[in-house]
Amino acid sequence: MGDSAHIDRFVLDRLPPKDQQPDFIFDRPELDYPDRLNAGVELLRRALAAAGPDGRALIDLDHEFTWSRVNLISSRMAKVLVEQLGLVPGNRVLLHGPNSAWTVLAWFAILKAGGVVVATMPMLRAAELATVMNKAEISHALVYGALAEAVTEARVAAPSLTHVMTSGELQTAAQALPPGTGFDAVDTAADDPALIAFTSGTTGQPKGCVHFHRDILAMADTFAKHTLDLGSGDIVVGTPPIAFTFGLGGLVVFPASAGAATAFAPRPGFDALAETIARCKATALFTAPTGYRALLKLAAEHDLSSLRTCVSAGEALPAATSDAWHEVTGVRIVDGIGSTEMIHIFISASGDDIRPGSTGKAVPGYEARIVDADGHPLPPGETGRLAVRGPTGCRYLDDARQSAYVRNGWNLTGDVYRLDEHGYFWFVARADDMIISSGYNIGAPEVENALLRHPAVAEAAVIGVPDDERGQIVKAFVVLNPDHGASDALRCELQDHVKGVIAPYKYPRALEFTDALPKTQTGKLQRFRLKAGA
C-alpha cells in the first residue's frame, strides 16, 4: 500500500487482514495504475479528453451539463465540503439522492475532497439509513432535498453524523464562492478507500464492501473497455440506482471514462424510462431482466430504435427474455454477472460471442473457474461453485463474513455454475437456492425460465419447500400478464408446460399465483422472503 492520504483512518483500520483478502491480479497494461490516483480526477480527465469541454455529460429533463461544467461544479462542491463542513480525507460521506445530475456532481465532489462515498438508495427508510450510518460511522451527509426527512429521522439514532447539507444548500454555497474559485483535489493513493458499497440485502443484513480508487477505474478498464463499445457520441440511460455498483458503473463511471453522456428519467418507472430513451435517442441501456420484460410491453408505444447497446445484470438473464428482446428490437442483450463485492461485472460476452442463456466468458483481467466444496477446480461440464479473481475483490468492512466469501485467494460469489468446453459459464442457481427433491438437484432459475416461456406468465420465482416424501418439492410463485386470470386450469396448464420444456421431475408440484414478487430496491428477487412465508 502506498502512503495513504487519509487522515481519518477508520476504513483503513477496519479492512480484513491480508490473509483474508483475495489475490489481486494486474496483468494487463491498462491495469498498471500509478501509486497516486484520485478516481474522480482521472475519470473527469478522461471525459474531457474524449468529449472535449463542451461535450454533453449529464442530461436532466430541463437542464444539461457539459463535462467542463461537471468538473468546475464538482470542484466548487468539494471546496464547500472541506472549508465549510470540515471534511478531512477518509471521512465517510452519506450520499442520499436519486439518479440525477446532482447526485453525480456530489459523487465527484466527495472523491475530489478525499472523502469515502457511501451512497444509499432513495427509498431507504430511516431505520435502514441508521444501520448504514452506524456501520460506517458516517460523519457527513449530502442529501437531495426531497429525501431529507428520512435522514433527519435516522440522525437521531446515528450519533456519528455531525454535518448534513441538502442539495439546495450545497448548490447555494457552491454558487456563492467567488468567480474563478478552484480546488486542488486530494492526492489520494490508488489504494486509498474511495467508497463503501452496501449490498442490496437479498439475504438479509447488508454488508459494507470497501473499494479503492483504483477499483473504480478497474471496472471501466475491464468490462467497459473489452465488452462495451461506448464513445463520446453515446447517450446512456438505465434503472439501477447509482448507490448500486451496477448503476454506478453504467450511469457514472463508464460514460465518464468514454466521454459519453447520461440521461436521467424525470421520475421512477419504466414508462418514464421508455419516454427518456425516445426523447434523448439513448444508445445504451442498463437495467435488470425485469426491466427488459417491462420495456417489451411498452415497445409498441415508444421508439426504442436508437438503442444499440443493452446490458443486463443484477440477476440471471433468462434466454426467453433475451430472445424476446432481440426479436422486438434487433439488439442482443449483453448479459453479465457481477457483485457488489467485486464492484462490477467479471463474466460477460458481447456481439457474436453472446450465447443466449449463458452468462459468457471471464472478462479480460479476470480469471474464473468452477470449484467443488473443498475449493478444487472442476472440469468442464461439472456443476460447482463459481470462483473468481482479478484486479478487484471482496473487502468487507469489519465483517466476519469475509472468510466465507474469500477462500484461498479466490472470491466465492455464492453462485452455482457450470463451464462448457468452449469456456462459457452457465448459471445454475444461487448456492442457497438449489432444490434437492428425491435426490435430484434442481436449479430454481431453470424452472423460472421454463415458466417465462408461457404467454400467460409475466414473472416467476421458484423455491424449494419441505416435503416429507421427497425432502423438498419445487414451488413456483407466478405473476400473470394482465390478460390472463388465475385458475386451477391454468395452474395445471403451466405445470404441464414446464414438463414439456425441461425434465418432468423439475416441474413445480406447488404453484401459487401472486400479484407481485418481493424484491430489493435494485430489482433483485428476495427469495428468502418467499421461503419465510412458504
Protein backbone atom coordinates (compact mmCIF):
# COMPACT_ATOMS: atom_id res chain seq x y z
CA MET A 1 0.00 0.00 0.00
CA GLY A 2 1.25 3.48 -0.87
CA ASP A 3 1.32 6.35 1.62
CA SER A 4 -2.32 7.00 2.40
CA ALA A 5 -3.80 10.47 2.14
CA HIS A 6 -6.40 9.54 4.74
CA ILE A 7 -6.21 11.50 7.96
CA ASP A 8 -9.26 9.68 9.26
CA ARG A 9 -8.14 6.03 9.20
CA PHE A 10 -11.46 4.46 10.21
CA VAL A 11 -11.86 2.47 6.99
CA LEU A 12 -8.18 1.57 6.63
CA ASP A 13 -8.16 0.18 10.16
CA ARG A 14 -11.22 -1.99 9.52
CA LEU A 15 -10.15 -3.73 6.35
CA PRO A 16 -9.89 -7.51 6.51
CA PRO A 17 -6.49 -8.94 7.48
CA LYS A 18 -4.24 -9.52 4.48
CA ASP A 19 -4.57 -13.30 4.77
CA GLN A 20 -8.36 -12.98 4.42
CA GLN A 21 -8.23 -10.77 1.34
CA PRO A 22 -8.33 -12.19 -2.19
CA ASP A 23 -5.40 -12.33 -4.58
CA PHE A 24 -5.37 -9.27 -6.81
CA ILE A 25 -4.16 -9.52 -10.41
CA PHE A 26 -2.95 -6.60 -12.52
CA ASP A 27 -1.51 -8.41 -15.51
CA ARG A 28 -2.76 -6.10 -18.27
CA PRO A 29 -1.21 -2.74 -19.29
CA GLU A 30 -4.46 -0.85 -18.72
CA LEU A 31 -4.47 -2.02 -15.08
CA ASP A 32 -0.97 -0.68 -14.32
CA TYR A 33 -2.12 2.24 -12.18
CA PRO A 34 0.22 4.84 -10.65
CA ASP A 35 0.70 4.89 -6.88
CA ARG A 36 -1.15 8.21 -6.62
CA LEU A 37 -4.62 8.19 -8.13
CA ASN A 38 -7.86 10.04 -7.44
CA ALA A 39 -10.64 8.28 -9.34
CA GLY A 40 -12.78 11.41 -9.60
CA VAL A 41 -9.97 13.43 -11.11
CA GLU A 42 -8.93 10.68 -13.52
CA LEU A 43 -12.45 9.99 -14.77
CA LEU A 44 -13.04 13.65 -15.50
CA ARG A 45 -9.66 13.89 -17.23
CA ARG A 46 -10.70 11.01 -19.49
CA ALA A 47 -14.12 12.56 -20.16
CA LEU A 48 -12.65 15.92 -21.13
CA ALA A 49 -10.02 14.27 -23.34
CA ALA A 50 -12.62 12.15 -25.15
CA ALA A 51 -15.53 14.58 -25.46
CA GLY A 52 -13.92 17.99 -25.07
CA PRO A 53 -15.00 20.67 -22.59
CA ASP A 54 -18.31 21.25 -24.38
CA GLY A 55 -19.23 17.58 -24.66
CA ARG A 56 -22.61 16.66 -23.20
CA ALA A 57 -22.25 14.94 -19.83
CA LEU A 58 -25.44 14.91 -17.74
CA ILE A 59 -28.95 15.35 -19.10
CA ASP A 60 -31.87 16.05 -16.79
CA LEU A 61 -35.37 16.76 -18.06
CA ASP A 62 -34.88 20.55 -18.00
CA HIS A 63 -31.11 21.03 -17.80
CA GLU A 64 -27.86 19.77 -19.28
CA PHE A 65 -24.27 19.88 -18.06
CA THR A 66 -21.12 19.74 -20.16
CA TRP A 67 -18.06 17.91 -18.93
CA SER A 68 -16.28 21.19 -18.20
CA ARG A 69 -19.24 22.25 -16.02
CA VAL A 70 -19.22 18.92 -14.22
CA ASN A 71 -15.53 19.43 -13.47
CA LEU A 72 -16.00 23.02 -12.30
CA ILE A 73 -19.12 22.49 -10.20
CA SER A 74 -17.82 19.34 -8.51
CA SER A 75 -14.64 21.21 -7.55
CA ARG A 76 -16.66 24.04 -6.00
CA MET A 77 -18.77 21.48 -4.13
CA ALA A 78 -15.57 19.81 -2.88
CA LYS A 79 -14.35 23.17 -1.60
CA VAL A 80 -17.60 23.62 0.34
CA LEU A 81 -17.19 20.15 1.84
CA VAL A 82 -13.68 20.90 3.05
CA GLU A 83 -13.88 24.56 4.04
CA GLN A 84 -17.45 24.82 5.33
CA LEU A 85 -18.19 21.30 6.55
CA GLY A 86 -14.69 20.45 7.79
CA LEU A 87 -14.30 17.25 5.77
CA VAL A 88 -10.90 15.61 6.10
CA PRO A 89 -9.63 12.78 3.87
CA GLY A 90 -11.03 9.46 4.98
CA ASN A 91 -14.28 10.82 6.43
CA ARG A 92 -17.31 8.85 5.27
CA VAL A 93 -19.94 10.88 3.41
CA LEU A 94 -23.51 9.64 3.01
CA LEU A 95 -24.75 10.46 -0.49
CA HIS A 96 -28.52 10.11 -0.43
CA GLY A 97 -30.13 11.08 -3.70
CA PRO A 98 -31.99 9.81 -6.75
CA ASN A 99 -30.41 9.07 -10.11
CA SER A 100 -29.85 12.67 -11.18
CA ALA A 101 -27.22 15.13 -12.28
CA TRP A 102 -26.94 16.49 -8.73
CA THR A 103 -26.07 13.07 -7.33
CA VAL A 104 -23.31 12.59 -9.91
CA LEU A 105 -21.86 16.05 -9.24
CA ALA A 106 -21.83 15.36 -5.50
CA TRP A 107 -20.21 11.95 -6.07
CA PHE A 108 -17.30 13.54 -7.95
CA ALA A 109 -17.02 16.24 -5.28
CA ILE A 110 -16.67 13.74 -2.44
CA LEU A 111 -13.90 11.86 -4.25
CA LYS A 112 -12.04 15.08 -5.07
CA ALA A 113 -12.22 16.07 -1.40
CA GLY A 114 -10.73 12.74 -0.33
CA GLY A 115 -13.92 11.50 1.28
CA VAL A 116 -15.28 7.97 1.16
CA VAL A 117 -18.61 7.83 -0.67
CA VAL A 118 -21.38 5.84 1.00
CA ALA A 119 -24.25 6.12 -1.47
CA THR A 120 -27.68 4.91 -0.40
CA MET A 121 -30.81 4.18 -2.38
CA PRO A 122 -33.55 6.83 -2.31
CA MET A 123 -36.25 4.52 -0.99
CA LEU A 124 -34.38 3.51 2.18
CA ARG A 125 -36.24 4.37 5.35
CA ALA A 126 -34.77 5.93 8.49
CA ALA A 127 -34.02 2.65 10.26
CA GLU A 128 -32.20 1.29 7.20
CA LEU A 129 -30.22 4.51 6.83
CA ALA A 130 -29.26 4.45 10.51
CA THR A 131 -27.88 0.93 10.09
CA VAL A 132 -25.60 2.13 7.31
CA MET A 133 -24.61 5.29 9.18
CA ASN A 134 -23.61 3.39 12.28
CA LYS A 135 -21.81 0.60 10.46
CA ALA A 136 -19.66 3.10 8.53
CA GLU A 137 -19.59 5.74 11.30
CA ILE A 138 -20.62 8.37 8.79
CA SER A 139 -19.77 11.95 9.77
CA HIS A 140 -21.11 13.91 6.78
CA ALA A 141 -24.22 13.66 4.60
CA LEU A 142 -25.18 15.24 1.30
CA VAL A 143 -28.91 14.77 0.84
CA TYR A 144 -31.29 15.51 -2.01
CA GLY A 145 -33.82 17.97 -0.62
CA ALA A 146 -36.92 15.83 -1.15
CA LEU A 147 -35.30 12.96 0.76
CA ALA A 148 -34.06 14.94 3.77
CA GLU A 149 -36.78 13.85 6.19
CA ALA A 150 -35.59 10.22 6.36
CA VAL A 151 -32.00 11.33 7.01
CA THR A 152 -33.13 13.74 9.73
CA GLU A 153 -35.06 10.94 11.41
CA ALA A 154 -32.16 8.48 11.07
CA ARG A 155 -29.76 11.01 12.56
CA VAL A 156 -31.39 10.58 15.98
CA ALA A 157 -30.02 7.01 16.08
CA ALA A 158 -26.68 7.82 14.41
CA PRO A 159 -24.53 9.98 16.72
CA SER A 160 -21.52 9.99 14.38
CA LEU A 161 -23.38 12.12 11.82
CA THR A 162 -22.47 15.72 12.62
CA HIS A 163 -22.73 17.57 9.29
CA VAL A 164 -25.73 17.46 6.93
CA MET A 165 -26.23 19.59 3.84
CA THR A 166 -29.14 19.36 1.42
CA SER A 167 -28.85 19.62 -2.33
CA GLY A 168 -30.20 23.16 -2.31
CA GLU A 169 -27.85 24.28 0.44
CA LEU A 170 -24.85 22.74 -1.31
CA GLN A 171 -25.78 24.35 -4.61
CA THR A 172 -26.22 27.76 -2.98
CA ALA A 173 -22.92 27.51 -1.10
CA ALA A 174 -21.02 26.41 -4.22
CA GLN A 175 -22.52 29.25 -6.31
CA ALA A 176 -21.65 31.81 -3.62
CA LEU A 177 -17.93 31.13 -3.93
CA PRO A 178 -16.01 33.88 -5.75
CA PRO A 179 -15.74 33.51 -9.55
CA GLY A 180 -12.72 31.51 -10.61
CA THR A 181 -12.59 29.62 -7.32
CA GLY A 182 -10.75 26.35 -7.80
CA PHE A 183 -9.94 23.33 -5.69
CA ASP A 184 -6.85 21.18 -5.57
CA ALA A 185 -8.15 17.64 -5.35
CA VAL A 186 -6.69 15.48 -2.61
CA ASP A 187 -3.72 13.46 -3.83
CA THR A 188 -5.07 10.09 -2.75
CA ALA A 189 -3.21 6.82 -3.09
CA ALA A 190 -4.50 4.38 -5.66
CA ASP A 191 -5.26 2.02 -2.81
CA ASP A 192 -6.98 4.53 -0.57
CA PRO A 193 -10.63 3.62 0.08
CA ALA A 194 -12.95 5.63 -2.18
CA LEU A 195 -16.34 4.11 -1.49
CA ILE A 196 -18.21 1.71 0.73
CA ALA A 197 -20.93 -0.05 -1.26
CA PHE A 198 -23.54 -1.80 0.83
CA THR A 199 -25.01 -5.00 -0.56
CA SER A 200 -28.65 -4.87 -1.55
CA GLY A 201 -29.91 -7.23 1.10
CA THR A 202 -31.16 -10.21 -0.91
CA THR A 203 -30.30 -12.42 2.07
CA GLY A 204 -31.00 -10.01 4.91
CA GLN A 205 -28.39 -7.87 6.71
CA PRO A 206 -26.37 -5.79 4.22
CA LYS A 207 -22.57 -5.87 4.17
CA GLY A 208 -20.28 -2.91 3.51
CA CYS A 209 -17.87 -3.54 0.61
CA VAL A 210 -14.81 -1.31 0.52
CA HIS A 211 -13.41 -0.31 -2.87
CA PHE A 212 -10.28 1.70 -3.59
CA HIS A 213 -9.75 4.49 -6.12
CA ARG A 214 -8.05 2.02 -8.45
CA ASP A 215 -11.05 -0.33 -8.24
CA ILE A 216 -13.35 2.33 -9.66
CA LEU A 217 -11.05 2.71 -12.67
CA ALA A 218 -10.64 -1.07 -12.99
CA MET A 219 -14.31 -1.67 -13.72
CA ALA A 220 -14.06 0.75 -16.64
CA ASP A 221 -10.77 -0.74 -17.83
CA THR A 222 -12.04 -4.34 -17.81
CA PHE A 223 -15.74 -4.85 -18.52
CA ALA A 224 -16.49 -1.50 -20.18
CA LYS A 225 -13.28 -1.45 -22.23
CA HIS A 226 -13.45 -5.00 -23.52
CA THR A 227 -17.19 -5.75 -23.65
CA LEU A 228 -18.89 -2.46 -24.35
CA ASP A 229 -18.15 -0.01 -27.12
CA LEU A 230 -19.09 3.33 -25.58
CA GLY A 231 -17.83 6.54 -27.14
CA SER A 232 -18.31 10.28 -26.78
CA GLY A 233 -21.38 10.17 -29.03
CA ASP A 234 -23.29 7.73 -26.82
CA ILE A 235 -26.16 8.61 -24.51
CA VAL A 236 -26.65 6.18 -21.63
CA VAL A 237 -29.85 5.52 -19.65
CA GLY A 238 -30.75 2.96 -17.01
CA THR A 239 -32.67 2.00 -13.92
CA PRO A 240 -30.14 0.69 -11.36
CA PRO A 241 -29.58 3.22 -8.56
CA ILE A 242 -26.21 4.94 -8.53
CA ALA A 243 -25.92 3.60 -4.96
CA PHE A 244 -25.83 0.11 -6.51
CA THR A 245 -22.47 -0.55 -8.18
CA PHE A 246 -24.21 -1.81 -11.34
CA GLY A 247 -25.74 1.66 -11.62
CA LEU A 248 -22.55 3.46 -10.58
CA GLY A 249 -20.65 1.78 -13.38
CA GLY A 250 -23.32 2.05 -16.05
CA LEU A 251 -24.52 5.58 -15.36
CA VAL A 252 -21.41 7.33 -13.99
CA VAL A 253 -18.06 5.56 -14.37
CA PHE A 254 -18.40 4.05 -17.86
CA PRO A 255 -19.84 7.18 -19.51
CA ALA A 256 -17.20 9.40 -17.88
CA SER A 257 -14.37 7.11 -18.92
CA ALA A 258 -15.57 7.26 -22.53
CA GLY A 259 -16.81 10.86 -22.59
CA ALA A 260 -20.39 9.70 -23.15
CA ALA A 261 -23.49 11.38 -21.72
CA THR A 262 -26.01 10.07 -19.20
CA ALA A 263 -29.70 10.95 -19.44
CA PHE A 264 -31.86 10.66 -16.34
CA ALA A 265 -35.56 9.83 -16.37
CA PRO A 266 -37.63 12.51 -14.62
CA ARG A 267 -39.39 10.00 -12.38
CA PRO A 268 -39.18 6.32 -11.44
CA GLY A 269 -40.94 3.70 -13.55
CA PHE A 270 -40.49 2.04 -16.89
CA ASP A 271 -42.89 4.39 -18.69
CA ALA A 272 -40.57 7.28 -17.80
CA LEU A 273 -37.56 5.25 -18.88
CA ALA A 274 -39.10 4.45 -22.26
CA GLU A 275 -40.03 8.11 -22.72
CA THR A 276 -36.45 9.15 -21.92
CA ILE A 277 -34.99 6.66 -24.39
CA ALA A 278 -37.23 8.06 -27.13
CA ARG A 279 -36.78 11.73 -26.21
CA CYS A 280 -32.99 11.64 -25.85
CA LYS A 281 -32.38 9.00 -28.52
CA ALA A 282 -30.43 6.98 -25.98
CA THR A 283 -27.96 4.48 -27.41
CA ALA A 284 -27.06 2.41 -24.34
CA LEU A 285 -29.31 0.90 -21.68
CA PHE A 286 -28.51 -0.65 -18.31
CA THR A 287 -31.29 -2.49 -16.49
CA ALA A 288 -32.18 -5.87 -14.96
CA PRO A 289 -34.14 -8.66 -16.70
CA THR A 290 -37.28 -7.34 -15.02
CA GLY A 291 -36.70 -4.03 -16.80
CA TYR A 292 -36.35 -5.62 -20.21
CA ARG A 293 -39.59 -7.55 -19.73
CA ALA A 294 -41.37 -4.34 -18.71
CA LEU A 295 -39.98 -2.41 -21.70
CA LEU A 296 -41.11 -5.14 -24.08
CA LYS A 297 -44.70 -4.31 -23.11
CA LEU A 298 -44.04 -0.64 -23.93
CA ALA A 299 -42.11 -1.12 -27.17
CA ALA A 300 -45.16 -0.53 -29.35
CA GLU A 301 -45.84 2.85 -27.70
CA HIS A 302 -42.29 4.26 -27.61
CA ASP A 303 -39.48 4.49 -30.14
CA LEU A 304 -36.61 2.37 -28.80
CA SER A 305 -34.82 2.14 -32.14
CA SER A 306 -31.88 4.34 -31.07
CA LEU A 307 -30.61 1.65 -28.67
CA ARG A 308 -27.57 -0.29 -29.83
CA THR A 309 -26.03 -1.49 -26.54
CA CYS A 310 -28.18 -3.15 -23.86
CA VAL A 311 -26.68 -4.54 -20.66
CA SER A 312 -28.34 -6.78 -18.10
CA ALA A 313 -27.10 -7.68 -14.62
CA GLY A 314 -28.41 -7.98 -11.08
CA GLU A 315 -29.84 -11.43 -11.66
CA ALA A 316 -29.56 -14.14 -14.32
CA LEU A 317 -30.97 -13.20 -17.73
CA PRO A 318 -33.38 -15.90 -18.91
CA ALA A 319 -32.90 -16.98 -22.52
CA ALA A 320 -36.61 -16.34 -23.08
CA THR A 321 -36.18 -12.68 -22.15
CA SER A 322 -33.04 -12.34 -24.26
CA ASP A 323 -34.74 -13.85 -27.29
CA ALA A 324 -37.90 -11.76 -26.91
CA TRP A 325 -35.89 -8.53 -26.67
CA HIS A 326 -33.81 -9.45 -29.73
CA GLU A 327 -36.94 -10.26 -31.71
CA VAL A 328 -38.55 -6.89 -30.94
CA THR A 329 -35.51 -4.56 -31.07
CA GLY A 330 -32.89 -6.43 -33.09
CA VAL A 331 -30.42 -5.89 -30.23
CA ARG A 332 -28.93 -8.82 -28.37
CA ILE A 333 -28.64 -8.09 -24.63
CA VAL A 334 -25.17 -8.18 -23.09
CA ASP A 335 -25.60 -10.34 -20.00
CA GLY A 336 -23.14 -10.28 -17.15
CA ILE A 337 -22.56 -11.43 -13.62
CA GLY A 338 -21.03 -9.06 -11.15
CA SER A 339 -21.34 -8.44 -7.45
CA THR A 340 -21.07 -5.58 -5.03
CA GLU A 341 -18.05 -7.36 -3.57
CA MET A 342 -16.29 -7.36 -6.96
CA ILE A 343 -17.63 -3.85 -7.80
CA HIS A 344 -18.97 -4.78 -11.24
CA ILE A 345 -19.25 -7.40 -13.99
CA PHE A 346 -16.49 -10.02 -14.34
CA ILE A 347 -18.11 -12.57 -16.69
CA SER A 348 -19.89 -11.46 -19.86
CA ALA A 349 -19.96 -11.56 -23.66
CA SER A 350 -21.00 -9.22 -26.44
CA GLY A 351 -21.79 -9.27 -30.14
CA ASP A 352 -21.31 -12.56 -31.91
CA ASP A 353 -19.83 -14.07 -28.74
CA ILE A 354 -23.19 -13.99 -26.96
CA ARG A 355 -24.82 -17.38 -26.33
CA PRO A 356 -28.38 -16.75 -25.05
CA GLY A 357 -28.79 -18.43 -21.68
CA SER A 358 -25.05 -18.32 -20.99
CA THR A 359 -23.50 -15.53 -18.93
CA GLY A 360 -20.42 -15.55 -21.15
CA LYS A 361 -16.69 -15.82 -20.54
CA ALA A 362 -14.36 -14.26 -17.99
CA VAL A 363 -13.87 -10.57 -18.79
CA PRO A 364 -10.24 -9.77 -19.73
CA GLY A 365 -8.41 -9.01 -16.50
CA TYR A 366 -10.32 -11.66 -14.53
CA GLU A 367 -9.94 -15.39 -14.02
CA ALA A 368 -12.90 -17.63 -13.23
CA ARG A 369 -13.32 -21.32 -12.54
CA ILE A 370 -15.75 -23.84 -11.08
CA VAL A 371 -14.72 -25.44 -7.79
CA ASP A 372 -16.00 -28.17 -5.51
CA ALA A 373 -16.80 -27.83 -1.82
CA ASP A 374 -13.10 -28.02 -0.96
CA GLY A 375 -12.08 -25.38 -3.49
CA HIS A 376 -10.62 -27.80 -6.05
CA PRO A 377 -11.22 -26.87 -9.70
CA LEU A 378 -13.77 -28.96 -11.60
CA PRO A 379 -13.59 -29.92 -15.29
CA PRO A 380 -15.97 -28.59 -17.97
CA GLY A 381 -19.47 -29.98 -17.65
CA GLU A 382 -19.35 -30.31 -13.86
CA THR A 383 -21.56 -28.17 -11.64
CA GLY A 384 -19.99 -26.32 -8.71
CA ARG A 385 -19.28 -23.01 -7.03
CA LEU A 386 -18.11 -20.05 -9.09
CA ALA A 387 -14.71 -18.68 -8.04
CA VAL A 388 -13.19 -15.52 -9.49
CA ARG A 389 -10.21 -13.21 -9.02
CA GLY A 390 -8.79 -10.19 -10.78
CA PRO A 391 -8.00 -6.50 -10.15
CA THR A 392 -10.96 -6.10 -7.78
CA GLY A 393 -12.20 -8.25 -4.93
CA CYS A 394 -14.04 -8.55 -1.66
CA ARG A 395 -13.02 -6.43 1.31
CA TYR A 396 -15.87 -6.32 3.81
CA LEU A 397 -15.82 -3.51 6.34
CA ASP A 398 -15.24 -5.17 9.71
CA ASP A 399 -17.41 -8.21 8.94
CA ALA A 400 -16.90 -11.83 9.97
CA ARG A 401 -18.47 -12.99 6.70
CA GLN A 402 -15.22 -12.12 4.88
CA SER A 403 -13.85 -15.63 5.44
CA ALA A 404 -16.90 -17.16 3.76
CA TYR A 405 -16.55 -15.06 0.60
CA VAL A 406 -12.77 -15.31 0.14
CA ARG A 407 -11.00 -18.67 0.28
CA ASN A 408 -7.50 -19.50 -0.90
CA GLY A 409 -7.25 -16.12 -2.61
CA TRP A 410 -10.42 -16.63 -4.69
CA ASN A 411 -13.73 -14.80 -4.35
CA LEU A 412 -16.63 -17.25 -3.97
CA THR A 413 -19.69 -15.43 -5.24
CA GLY A 414 -22.31 -17.81 -3.86
CA ASP A 415 -23.40 -18.85 -7.35
CA VAL A 416 -23.60 -22.36 -8.75
CA TYR A 417 -22.36 -22.55 -12.35
CA ARG A 418 -21.07 -24.97 -14.92
CA LEU A 419 -18.37 -24.33 -17.51
CA ASP A 420 -18.74 -25.76 -21.01
CA GLU A 421 -15.95 -26.97 -23.26
CA HIS A 422 -15.86 -23.62 -25.10
CA GLY A 423 -15.16 -21.58 -21.97
CA TYR A 424 -18.71 -20.29 -21.48
CA PHE A 425 -20.19 -20.09 -18.00
CA TRP A 426 -23.80 -21.19 -17.48
CA PHE A 427 -25.73 -20.10 -14.40
CA VAL A 428 -27.47 -22.88 -12.47
CA ALA A 429 -28.63 -21.23 -9.23
CA ARG A 430 -27.53 -19.31 -6.21
CA ALA A 431 -25.80 -21.75 -3.89
CA ASP A 432 -28.57 -21.39 -1.32
CA ASP A 433 -31.29 -21.73 -3.98
CA MET A 434 -30.52 -25.26 -5.13
CA ILE A 435 -33.51 -27.52 -4.60
CA ILE A 436 -32.91 -31.18 -3.79
CA SER A 437 -36.01 -33.24 -4.49
CA SER A 438 -35.98 -37.05 -4.33
CA GLY A 439 -32.20 -36.91 -4.76
CA TYR A 440 -32.31 -34.69 -7.85
CA ASN A 441 -30.60 -31.27 -7.90
CA ILE A 442 -32.92 -28.66 -9.43
CA GLY A 443 -31.88 -25.09 -10.15
CA ALA A 444 -34.65 -22.59 -9.47
CA PRO A 445 -33.73 -20.30 -12.44
CA GLU A 446 -34.15 -23.17 -14.91
CA VAL A 447 -37.73 -23.72 -13.77
CA GLU A 448 -38.39 -19.97 -13.80
CA ASN A 449 -37.10 -19.71 -17.35
CA ALA A 450 -39.41 -22.53 -18.43
CA LEU A 451 -42.41 -20.78 -16.87
CA LEU A 452 -41.49 -17.49 -18.55
CA ARG A 453 -41.83 -19.16 -21.93
CA HIS A 454 -45.59 -19.46 -21.39
CA PRO A 455 -47.55 -16.44 -22.72
CA ALA A 456 -49.59 -16.13 -19.53
CA VAL A 457 -46.54 -15.59 -17.29
CA ALA A 458 -45.15 -12.10 -16.61
CA GLU A 459 -42.81 -13.06 -13.76
CA ALA A 460 -41.95 -16.23 -11.89
CA ALA A 461 -39.96 -17.18 -8.81
CA VAL A 462 -39.18 -20.69 -7.63
CA ILE A 463 -38.10 -22.03 -4.25
CA GLY A 464 -37.83 -25.39 -2.54
CA VAL A 465 -40.24 -26.18 0.28
CA PRO A 466 -40.03 -29.08 2.76
CA ASP A 467 -41.83 -32.30 1.85
CA ASP A 468 -42.00 -35.45 3.96
CA GLU A 469 -41.78 -37.77 0.98
CA ARG A 470 -39.30 -36.02 -1.32
CA GLY A 471 -37.30 -33.91 1.12
CA GLN A 472 -38.20 -30.83 -0.92
CA ILE A 473 -40.58 -30.03 -3.71
CA VAL A 474 -40.46 -27.23 -6.23
CA LYS A 475 -42.86 -24.39 -5.53
CA ALA A 476 -43.47 -21.60 -8.04
CA PHE A 477 -44.87 -18.12 -7.46
CA VAL A 478 -46.32 -16.72 -10.68
CA VAL A 479 -47.35 -13.18 -11.66
CA LEU A 480 -49.69 -13.31 -14.63
CA ASN A 481 -49.90 -10.98 -17.58
CA PRO A 482 -52.96 -8.68 -17.41
CA ASP A 483 -54.97 -10.61 -19.99
CA HIS A 484 -54.85 -13.87 -18.01
CA GLY A 485 -56.70 -14.83 -14.86
CA ALA A 486 -55.67 -17.26 -12.14
CA SER A 487 -57.47 -20.61 -12.17
CA ASP A 488 -56.90 -24.25 -11.35
CA ALA A 489 -56.98 -24.99 -15.07
CA LEU A 490 -54.18 -22.51 -15.75
CA ARG A 491 -52.17 -23.93 -12.85
CA CYS A 492 -52.32 -27.38 -14.42
CA GLU A 493 -51.53 -25.92 -17.83
CA LEU A 494 -48.40 -24.23 -16.51
CA GLN A 495 -47.26 -27.39 -14.74
CA ASP A 496 -47.70 -29.38 -17.95
CA HIS A 497 -45.92 -26.65 -19.89
CA VAL A 498 -42.84 -26.95 -17.66
CA LYS A 499 -42.84 -30.73 -18.08
CA GLY A 500 -42.71 -30.21 -21.83
CA VAL A 501 -39.85 -27.70 -21.74
CA ILE A 502 -37.46 -29.29 -19.20
CA ALA A 503 -37.14 -32.66 -17.49
CA PRO A 504 -40.53 -33.53 -15.96
CA TYR A 505 -39.13 -34.13 -12.45
CA LYS A 506 -38.31 -30.40 -12.26
CA TYR A 507 -41.89 -29.18 -12.62
CA PRO A 508 -43.44 -27.13 -9.77
CA ARG A 509 -45.60 -29.50 -7.76
CA ALA A 510 -46.93 -26.43 -5.94
CA LEU A 511 -47.82 -23.25 -7.84
CA GLU A 512 -49.20 -20.09 -6.31
CA PHE A 513 -50.48 -17.07 -8.20
CA THR A 514 -49.46 -13.71 -6.73
CA ASP A 515 -49.82 -10.04 -7.64
CA ALA A 516 -46.13 -9.21 -7.14
CA LEU A 517 -42.80 -10.74 -6.14
CA PRO A 518 -40.73 -9.40 -3.22
CA LYS A 519 -37.67 -7.54 -4.49
CA THR A 520 -34.89 -5.31 -3.26
CA GLN A 521 -34.85 -1.69 -4.37
CA THR A 522 -32.36 -2.70 -7.05
CA GLY A 523 -34.85 -5.14 -8.56
CA LYS A 524 -33.33 -8.35 -7.25
CA LEU A 525 -35.66 -11.11 -6.16
CA GLN A 526 -35.73 -11.74 -2.40
CA ARG A 527 -36.20 -15.49 -2.25
CA PHE A 528 -35.66 -15.53 1.49
CA ARG A 529 -38.95 -13.66 1.90
CA LEU A 530 -40.75 -16.24 -0.21
CA LYS A 531 -39.16 -19.02 1.83
CA ALA A 532 -40.16 -17.34 5.09
CA GLY A 533 -43.80 -17.25 4.02
CA ALA A 534 -43.93 -20.65 2.33
